[in-house]
């Protein structure tokens, strides 16, 4: 999905193209998601959670005053 958006833009992302890309039927996608926006919201929430995890795993050296 991300590759399709990157290559063709968000307007080219449809349930049909997404289903084809991931080898599922359109009805299978609709079984799990209400709409394309629901899919995009899920993707956004995934990225937010992933970024929070990455930020929380950044080591902090509290003795380093170089950044002050």
Protein backbone atom coordinates (compact mmCIF):
# COMPACT_ATOMS: atom_id res chain seq x y z
CA UNK A 1 0.00 0.00 0.00
CA UNK A 2 2.74 2.45 0.89
CA UNK A 3 4.57 1.66 -2.34
CA UNK A 4 1.39 2.29 -4.34
CA UNK A 5 0.80 5.62 -2.59
CA UNK A 6 4.44 6.61 -3.08
CA UNK A 7 4.42 5.64 -6.76
CA UNK A 8 0.94 6.68 -7.89
CA UNK A 9 -0.34 9.04 -5.20
CA UNK A 10 -3.13 8.69 -2.68
CA UNK A 11 -5.82 9.23 -5.33
CA UNK A 12 -4.81 5.99 -7.03
CA UNK A 13 -5.34 3.98 -3.86
CA UNK A 14 -8.69 2.25 -4.13
CA UNK A 15 -10.09 -0.82 -2.46
CA UNK A 16 -9.75 -2.58 -5.81
CA UNK A 17 -6.06 -1.68 -6.32
CA UNK A 18 -5.23 -2.42 -2.69
CA UNK A 19 -6.94 -5.80 -2.84
CA UNK A 20 -5.01 -6.64 -6.01
CA UNK A 21 -1.70 -5.55 -4.46
CA UNK A 22 -2.12 -7.76 -1.41
CA UNK A 23 -3.81 -10.66 -3.21
CA UNK A 24 -7.15 -10.40 -1.42
CA UNK A 25 -10.65 -9.92 -2.70
CA UNK A 26 -12.38 -6.58 -2.27
CA UNK A 27 -15.01 -8.28 -0.12
CA UNK A 28 -12.30 -9.62 2.19
CA UNK A 29 -11.04 -6.06 2.74
CA UNK A 30 -14.55 -4.81 3.40
CA UNK A 31 -14.97 -7.60 5.93
CA UNK A 32 -12.21 -6.00 8.05
CA UNK A 33 -12.47 -2.32 7.10
CA UNK A 34 -15.49 -0.09 6.47
CA UNK A 35 -13.80 2.09 3.86
CA UNK A 36 -10.55 3.27 2.33
CA UNK A 37 -10.43 5.98 4.99
CA UNK A 38 -10.70 3.31 7.68
CA UNK A 39 -7.69 1.54 6.15
CA UNK A 40 -5.71 4.79 5.98
CA UNK A 41 -6.60 5.61 9.58
CA UNK A 42 -5.34 2.18 10.62
CA UNK A 43 -2.10 2.79 8.74
CA UNK A 44 -1.71 6.21 10.35
CA UNK A 45 -2.29 4.78 13.82
CA UNK A 46 0.32 2.10 13.10
CA UNK A 47 2.88 4.74 12.11
CA UNK A 48 2.09 6.85 15.18
CA UNK A 49 2.58 3.87 17.49
CA UNK A 50 5.78 2.88 15.69
CA UNK A 51 7.20 6.42 15.97
CA UNK A 52 6.34 6.59 19.68
CA UNK A 53 8.16 3.30 20.23
CA UNK A 54 11.20 4.51 18.32
CA UNK A 55 11.29 7.83 20.17
CA UNK A 56 10.95 6.11 23.54
CA UNK A 57 13.87 3.83 22.64
CA UNK A 58 16.27 6.69 21.90
CA UNK A 59 19.01 6.55 24.53
CA UNK A 60 19.28 9.71 26.60
CA UNK A 61 22.55 10.67 28.23
CA UNK A 62 21.49 12.99 31.03
CA UNK A 63 25.13 13.82 31.81
CA UNK A 64 25.69 15.30 28.36
CA UNK A 65 25.42 19.09 28.56
CA UNK A 66 26.53 19.67 24.93
CA UNK A 67 22.93 20.18 23.82
CA UNK A 68 22.31 22.99 26.31
